[in-house]
Protein backbone atom coordinates (compact mmCIF):
# COMPACT_ATOMS: atom_id res chain seq x y z
CA MET A 1 141.21 -18.70 40.17
CA GLN A 2 138.59 -16.03 39.54
CA ARG A 3 139.52 -12.40 39.08
CA VAL A 4 137.49 -9.72 40.77
CA SER A 5 137.26 -6.16 39.48
CA GLY A 6 137.39 -3.21 41.86
CA GLY A 7 134.83 -3.03 44.62
CA LEU A 8 131.98 -4.32 42.50
CA GLY A 9 132.95 -7.95 42.94
CA GLN A 10 132.14 -8.84 39.36
CA ASN A 11 133.72 -11.84 37.75
CA GLN A 12 135.90 -10.77 34.84
CA GLU A 13 136.20 -14.20 33.28
CA ASP A 14 133.07 -13.52 31.19
CA GLY A 15 134.70 -10.33 29.89
CA TYR A 16 137.75 -12.28 28.81
CA GLU A 17 135.56 -14.75 26.94
CA ASP A 18 133.83 -11.87 25.14
CA ASP A 19 137.20 -10.37 24.20
CA ARG A 20 138.38 -13.68 22.82
CA CYS A 21 135.19 -14.02 20.79
CA VAL A 22 135.57 -10.53 19.32
CA LEU A 23 139.25 -11.13 18.50
CA SER A 24 138.40 -14.49 16.96
CA CYS A 25 135.70 -12.90 14.78
CA LEU A 26 138.06 -10.13 13.71
CA ASN A 27 140.73 -12.70 12.90
CA LYS A 28 138.28 -14.62 10.70
CA LEU A 29 137.20 -11.40 9.00
CA MET A 30 140.78 -10.39 8.22
CA HIS A 31 141.44 -13.77 6.59
CA ASN A 32 138.48 -13.14 4.32
CA LYS A 33 139.54 -12.09 0.81
CA TYR A 34 137.62 -8.82 1.24
CA GLY A 35 139.00 -8.15 4.73
CA ASP A 36 141.25 -5.27 3.64
CA ILE A 37 138.44 -3.53 1.78
CA ILE A 38 136.07 -3.94 4.74
CA LEU A 39 138.70 -2.54 7.10
CA LEU A 40 139.43 0.41 4.81
CA CYS A 41 135.73 1.24 4.41
CA SER A 42 135.03 1.00 8.14
CA VAL A 43 137.98 3.27 9.00
CA THR A 44 136.87 5.76 6.33
CA VAL A 45 133.30 5.79 7.66
CA ALA A 46 134.52 6.23 11.24
CA PHE A 47 136.75 9.12 10.18
CA GLY A 48 133.86 10.74 8.30
CA MET A 49 131.65 10.41 11.36
CA LEU A 50 134.33 12.06 13.51
CA LEU A 51 134.58 14.93 11.04
CA ALA A 52 130.81 15.38 11.00
CA VAL A 53 130.58 15.40 14.80
CA SER A 54 133.46 17.84 15.17
CA ALA A 55 132.03 20.15 12.49
CA SER A 56 128.60 20.20 14.11
CA GLY A 57 129.96 20.87 17.59
């Protein structure tokens, strides 16, 4: 059975496949031996970007 979103009539099955792909890639990344370091660096960079945007605004 296909799921339809709102009034647009778009098929959401493709969205679910994309979500599964992203989760699968993240799962593989976290099983990498450098997964924790990559996660820490990406969170730190995101936090720094938020600080820069809030300071400039």
